[in-house]
Amino acid sequence: MCMDAADGLTMAGMLVDPLIQMMMRSDGVSDRAHAELWDRARDALAARAVVDGMRDAALARRYRLQLVHG
């Protein structure tokens, strides 16, 4: 990305960034295909966060510290 565009990282901003447009043109990637790629990546990260959260919760229950007063 161009340095002047790096502060506002949005899909619309990425699609009009000159460096990204140049790479997309050289690879034959359409705006729609690029947007779909980022949508799939976002969905995969969201799904992973859910799985990680469930795993972390299970580990927390399994290894919960118990205080014993004696």
Protein backbone atom coordinates (compact mmCIF):
# COMPACT_ATOMS: atom_id res chain seq x y z
CA MET A 1 0.00 0.00 0.00
CA CYS A 2 1.04 3.56 -0.51
CA MET A 3 2.22 5.10 2.73
CA ASP A 4 -0.33 7.92 2.57
CA ALA A 5 -3.17 5.38 2.45
CA ALA A 6 -1.92 3.08 5.21
CA ASP A 7 -3.68 4.99 8.01
CA GLY A 8 -7.21 4.22 6.77
CA LEU A 9 -7.23 0.52 5.95
CA THR A 10 -10.65 -0.12 4.44
CA MET A 11 -11.79 -2.25 1.51
CA ALA A 12 -12.64 0.87 -0.50
CA GLY A 13 -9.25 2.36 0.35
CA MET A 14 -7.41 -0.76 -0.72
CA LEU A 15 -9.29 -0.96 -4.00
CA VAL A 16 -8.24 2.59 -4.98
CA ASP A 17 -4.64 2.31 -3.74
CA PRO A 18 -2.32 2.70 -6.76
CA LEU A 19 0.09 -0.07 -5.73
CA ILE A 20 -2.69 -2.56 -5.05
CA GLN A 21 -4.40 -1.63 -8.35
CA MET A 22 -1.13 -2.20 -10.20
CA MET A 23 -0.68 -5.64 -8.63
CA MET A 24 -4.30 -6.59 -9.27
CA ARG A 25 -4.01 -5.56 -12.94
CA SER A 26 -0.77 -7.49 -13.38
CA ASP A 27 -2.38 -10.61 -11.85
CA GLY A 28 -5.69 -10.17 -13.69
CA VAL A 29 -7.67 -9.85 -10.44
CA SER A 30 -10.98 -7.99 -10.53
CA ASP A 31 -12.20 -5.67 -7.76
CA ARG A 32 -14.95 -8.17 -6.99
CA ALA A 33 -12.53 -11.11 -6.69
CA HIS A 34 -10.26 -9.04 -4.44
CA ALA A 35 -13.19 -8.06 -2.20
CA GLU A 36 -14.36 -11.70 -2.05
CA LEU A 37 -10.88 -12.80 -1.00
CA TRP A 38 -10.88 -10.34 1.92
CA ASP A 39 -14.42 -11.39 2.87
CA ARG A 40 -13.32 -15.04 3.01
CA ALA A 41 -10.24 -14.10 5.05
CA ARG A 42 -12.37 -12.08 7.49
CA ASP A 43 -14.84 -14.96 7.88
CA ALA A 44 -12.01 -17.47 8.43
CA LEU A 45 -10.46 -15.26 11.12
CA ALA A 46 -13.82 -14.84 12.83
CA ALA A 47 -14.39 -18.61 12.81
CA ARG A 48 -10.90 -19.19 14.18
CA ALA A 49 -11.52 -16.70 16.99
CA VAL A 50 -14.64 -18.64 17.98
CA VAL A 51 -12.76 -21.94 18.01
CA ASP A 52 -9.84 -20.41 19.92
CA GLY A 53 -12.26 -18.89 22.42
CA MET A 54 -13.96 -22.24 22.97
CA ARG A 55 -10.59 -23.96 23.39
CA ASP A 56 -9.37 -21.32 25.82
CA ALA A 57 -12.56 -21.60 27.85
CA ALA A 58 -12.25 -25.40 27.99
CA LEU A 59 -8.63 -25.15 29.13
CA ALA A 60 -9.56 -22.58 31.77
CA ARG A 61 -12.21 -24.95 33.16
CA ARG A 62 -9.82 -27.90 33.07
CA TYR A 63 -6.94 -26.14 34.77
CA ARG A 64 -8.83 -23.90 37.16
CA LEU A 65 -6.85 -23.18 40.28
CA GLN A 66 -8.57 -24.04 43.51
CA LEU A 67 -7.77 -22.25 46.69
CA VAL A 68 -7.73 -24.48 49.72
CA HIS A 69 -8.04 -22.94 53.16
CA GLY A 70 -6.32 -24.91 55.81
